[in-house]
Amino acid sequence: MTVRHFFSGLWLSLALLPGLVVAQTPHPLQQAIDQLVTFQADFVQEQPEEHFFRVNRAFGEFYLARPGMMRWNYTRPDPQQILVDGRHLWVYEPELAQVTVQRVTEIQGDIPLAWLLFDEPIEQTYRIIDAGQRDGLTWYNLRPRRATFFQSIEVGLKDQQIHAVWMYQGATEVTKVTFSNIQQNQPIAYEHFELQLDGNVDYFGEF
């Protein structure tokens, strides 16, 4: 028996021993998410305009408190609030004076940042593929294990912080989000996870 075969057999034998659990080191992306409690940042969102050689840009603020609390606040050019409060997803569009609400349990798999928002291991719903270094970031590609709104998601890390998220609907349809002024694991006031309504609004959906 060669040394290689000996150690292979030993490892298999240990793995099969009753009551013995062989721990696996979490993926680096999972490690970064596991140590994340709160996240606050400004963002720029870029999306190519279909059939035109130009890019639409939106600016805003992002707040996260894991698990289950998230606010995606567009400030310009078109104000909009997207809020997850643990049980519901709320979308407030001031120009239309309307709020749309859905239960998280019914749409969790289609929330683009569900892998970041909730406690379930990322590899439960995505395959994590190392995508190398680019623009000073370490990138990971998330491939959904079942059909979702996005074909894949790329996450760019630096110093264990998320600096960019690219969401692909197709090969040329990609929404790019870049974070700045990042504050991680700092207290966030609860008011950031409440809808801030401007006057009377109409509600659509189920509470």
Protein backbone atom coordinates (compact mmCIF):
# COMPACT_ATOMS: atom_id res chain seq x y z
CA MET A 1 0.00 0.00 0.00
CA THR A 2 1.38 3.41 -0.96
CA VAL A 3 1.48 6.32 1.49
CA ARG A 4 -1.14 8.14 -0.58
CA HIS A 5 -3.54 5.19 -0.44
CA PHE A 6 -2.88 4.74 3.28
CA PHE A 7 -3.89 8.30 4.15
CA SER A 8 -6.85 8.19 1.78
CA GLY A 9 -8.10 5.06 3.53
CA LEU A 10 -7.44 6.54 6.97
CA TRP A 11 -9.43 9.69 6.14
CA LEU A 12 -12.35 7.60 4.86
CA SER A 13 -12.28 5.42 7.97
CA LEU A 14 -12.32 8.44 10.26
CA ALA A 15 -15.21 9.99 8.36
CA LEU A 16 -17.26 6.82 8.85
CA LEU A 17 -16.65 6.46 12.59
CA PRO A 18 -19.92 6.81 14.58
CA GLY A 19 -20.34 10.19 16.24
CA LEU A 20 -17.27 11.70 14.56
CA VAL A 21 -17.93 14.81 12.50
CA VAL A 22 -15.24 16.00 10.10
CA ALA A 23 -15.48 19.79 10.05
CA GLN A 24 -15.19 21.56 6.74
CA THR A 25 -13.77 25.05 6.48
CA PRO A 26 -16.46 27.43 5.19
CA HIS A 27 -15.92 29.09 1.86
CA PRO A 28 -14.20 32.53 2.17
CA LEU A 29 -17.38 34.27 0.99
CA GLN A 30 -19.43 32.39 3.58
CA GLN A 31 -16.90 33.33 6.27
CA ALA A 32 -17.25 37.00 5.34
CA ILE A 33 -21.05 36.79 5.53
CA ASP A 34 -21.03 34.83 8.80
CA GLN A 35 -19.14 37.60 10.61
CA LEU A 36 -21.48 40.27 9.24
CA VAL A 37 -24.12 41.66 11.62
CA THR A 38 -24.88 45.10 10.19
CA PHE A 39 -23.86 46.86 7.00
CA GLN A 40 -24.44 50.47 5.97
CA ALA A 41 -23.19 52.16 2.80
CA ASP A 42 -23.90 54.55 -0.04
CA PHE A 43 -24.34 52.92 -3.43
CA VAL A 44 -24.21 53.65 -7.13
CA GLN A 45 -26.27 51.40 -9.39
CA GLU A 46 -25.43 51.18 -13.09
CA GLN A 47 -27.57 49.50 -15.70
CA PRO A 48 -27.17 49.63 -19.50
CA GLU A 49 -30.16 51.05 -21.31
CA GLU A 50 -31.56 48.55 -23.79
CA HIS A 51 -30.82 49.35 -27.45
CA PHE A 52 -28.79 52.45 -26.48
CA PHE A 53 -25.09 52.94 -25.85
CA ARG A 54 -25.52 54.62 -22.49
CA VAL A 55 -25.82 53.65 -18.86
CA ASN A 56 -28.53 54.61 -16.40
CA ARG A 57 -27.23 55.50 -12.95
CA ALA A 58 -29.09 55.63 -9.66
CA PHE A 59 -27.79 56.65 -6.25
CA GLY A 60 -28.87 55.80 -2.75
CA GLU A 61 -28.27 54.32 0.67
CA PHE A 62 -28.25 50.71 1.82
CA TYR A 63 -28.89 49.42 5.35
CA LEU A 64 -28.71 45.80 6.50
CA ALA A 65 -29.23 44.09 9.85
CA ARG A 66 -28.91 40.33 9.70
CA PRO A 67 -30.96 38.30 9.69
CA GLY A 68 -33.97 39.61 7.86
CA MET A 69 -33.80 43.42 7.93
CA MET A 70 -32.85 45.45 4.86
CA ARG A 71 -33.48 48.89 3.38
CA TRP A 72 -32.57 49.80 -0.21
CA ASN A 73 -33.18 53.54 -0.45
CA TYR A 74 -32.95 55.22 -3.86
CA THR A 75 -32.42 58.96 -3.43
CA ARG A 76 -31.91 60.07 -7.05
CA PRO A 77 -32.86 60.42 -9.77
CA ASP A 78 -36.16 58.73 -8.83
CA PRO A 79 -36.77 58.30 -5.07
CA GLN A 80 -37.93 54.84 -4.04
CA GLN A 81 -37.79 52.74 -0.88
CA ILE A 82 -37.44 48.96 -0.82
CA LEU A 83 -37.74 47.55 2.69
CA VAL A 84 -37.60 44.04 4.17
CA ASP A 85 -38.73 43.96 7.80
CA GLY A 86 -38.29 40.23 8.42
CA ARG A 87 -41.81 39.26 7.37
CA HIS A 88 -42.72 41.48 4.43
CA LEU A 89 -41.11 43.20 1.48
CA TRP A 90 -42.38 46.74 0.97
CA VAL A 91 -41.85 48.90 -2.12
CA TYR A 92 -42.77 52.57 -1.75
CA GLU A 93 -42.92 54.73 -4.88
CA PRO A 94 -43.50 58.37 -3.84
CA GLU A 95 -44.29 59.63 -7.35
CA LEU A 96 -47.17 57.15 -7.58
CA ALA A 97 -48.12 57.54 -3.91
CA GLN A 98 -48.36 53.77 -3.58
CA VAL A 99 -46.89 50.94 -1.51
CA THR A 100 -46.71 47.34 -2.72
CA VAL A 101 -46.28 44.63 -0.09
CA GLN A 102 -45.49 40.90 -0.35
CA ARG A 103 -44.79 38.20 2.22
CA VAL A 104 -41.12 37.30 2.33
CA THR A 105 -41.89 33.58 2.60
CA GLU A 106 -43.52 33.71 -0.84
CA ILE A 107 -40.69 35.50 -2.66
CA GLN A 108 -37.51 34.84 -0.64
CA GLY A 109 -35.85 32.86 -3.43
CA ASP A 110 -36.27 35.77 -5.86
CA ILE A 111 -34.83 38.50 -3.62
CA PRO A 112 -31.45 39.28 -5.22
CA LEU A 113 -29.70 39.74 -1.85
CA ALA A 114 -31.39 36.84 -0.04
CA TRP A 115 -27.97 35.13 0.24
CA LEU A 116 -26.80 38.14 2.26
CA LEU A 117 -29.99 38.90 4.15
CA PHE A 118 -30.82 35.53 5.69
CA ASP A 119 -28.92 32.96 7.77
CA GLU A 120 -29.18 30.00 5.38
CA PRO A 121 -25.79 28.85 4.03
CA ILE A 122 -25.13 30.38 0.62
CA GLU A 123 -24.35 26.98 -0.94
CA GLN A 124 -27.83 25.79 -0.01
CA THR A 125 -29.24 27.86 -2.88
CA TYR A 126 -26.15 28.82 -4.92
CA ARG A 127 -22.98 27.24 -6.24
CA ILE A 128 -20.03 29.47 -5.34
CA ILE A 129 -17.42 29.75 -8.10
CA ASP A 130 -14.14 31.60 -7.54
CA ALA A 131 -13.92 34.35 -10.20
CA GLY A 132 -10.42 35.68 -9.52
CA GLN A 133 -9.11 39.21 -8.99
CA ARG A 134 -10.47 42.26 -10.77
CA ASP A 135 -10.40 46.00 -10.04
CA GLY A 136 -8.67 45.39 -6.72
CA LEU A 137 -11.41 43.03 -5.53
CA THR A 138 -11.68 39.27 -5.05
CA TRP A 139 -14.72 38.08 -6.98
CA TYR A 140 -17.08 35.14 -6.46
CA ASN A 141 -19.81 34.04 -8.83
CA LEU A 142 -23.08 32.71 -7.40
CA ARG A 143 -24.98 30.33 -9.69
CA PRO A 144 -28.56 29.61 -8.55
CA ARG A 145 -29.39 25.95 -8.01
CA ARG A 146 -32.89 26.65 -9.32
CA ALA A 147 -34.32 29.16 -11.78
CA THR A 148 -34.54 32.72 -10.42
CA PHE A 149 -34.93 36.22 -11.84
CA PHE A 150 -31.13 36.46 -12.15
CA GLN A 151 -28.95 33.98 -14.03
CA SER A 152 -26.00 34.65 -11.75
CA ILE A 153 -24.62 37.13 -9.22
CA GLU A 154 -21.03 38.27 -8.79
CA VAL A 155 -19.78 39.52 -5.44
CA GLY A 156 -16.59 41.57 -5.04
CA LEU A 157 -14.81 41.48 -1.67
CA LYS A 158 -11.95 43.48 -0.21
CA ASP A 159 -10.70 43.08 3.37
CA GLN A 160 -13.69 40.85 4.19
CA GLN A 161 -16.13 43.57 3.11
CA ILE A 162 -18.57 43.56 0.20
CA HIS A 163 -17.67 46.38 -2.20
CA ALA A 164 -19.61 45.39 -5.30
CA VAL A 165 -22.50 43.18 -6.44
CA TRP A 166 -23.19 42.52 -10.13
CA MET A 167 -26.52 40.88 -11.00
CA TYR A 168 -26.85 39.20 -14.40
CA GLN A 169 -30.21 38.73 -16.10
CA GLY A 170 -28.37 37.67 -19.25
CA ALA A 171 -24.95 37.86 -20.83
CA THR A 172 -25.36 41.57 -21.65
CA GLU A 173 -28.04 42.50 -19.11
CA VAL A 174 -26.22 43.27 -15.90
CA THR A 175 -27.02 45.55 -12.98
CA LYS A 176 -23.83 46.74 -11.27
CA VAL A 177 -23.90 48.03 -7.70
CA THR A 178 -20.84 49.60 -6.07
CA PHE A 179 -20.72 50.47 -2.36
CA SER A 180 -18.81 53.32 -0.70
CA ASN A 181 -18.57 54.88 2.77
CA ILE A 182 -19.02 51.39 4.21
CA GLN A 183 -19.76 50.97 7.91
CA GLN A 184 -19.78 47.35 9.02
CA ASN A 185 -21.01 45.92 12.33
CA GLN A 186 -21.89 49.37 13.67
CA PRO A 187 -25.22 50.16 15.39
CA ILE A 188 -28.04 51.15 13.01
CA ALA A 189 -31.10 53.00 14.28
CA TYR A 190 -34.31 50.98 13.95
CA GLU A 191 -36.00 53.88 12.14
CA HIS A 192 -33.95 53.00 9.06
CA PHE A 193 -36.03 49.82 8.78
CA GLU A 194 -39.36 51.65 8.80
CA LEU A 195 -41.12 53.10 5.77
CA GLN A 196 -40.88 56.87 5.62
CA LEU A 197 -44.08 57.91 3.88
CA ASP A 198 -44.81 61.33 2.44
CA GLY A 199 -48.56 61.86 2.81
CA ASN A 200 -51.35 59.41 2.04
CA VAL A 201 -50.62 56.36 -0.08
CA ASP A 202 -52.48 53.43 -1.61
CA TYR A 203 -51.50 49.91 -0.52
CA PHE A 204 -51.42 46.88 -2.81
CA GLY A 205 -50.74 43.27 -1.83
CA GLU A 206 -51.14 41.13 1.28
CA PHE A 207 -50.00 42.07 4.79
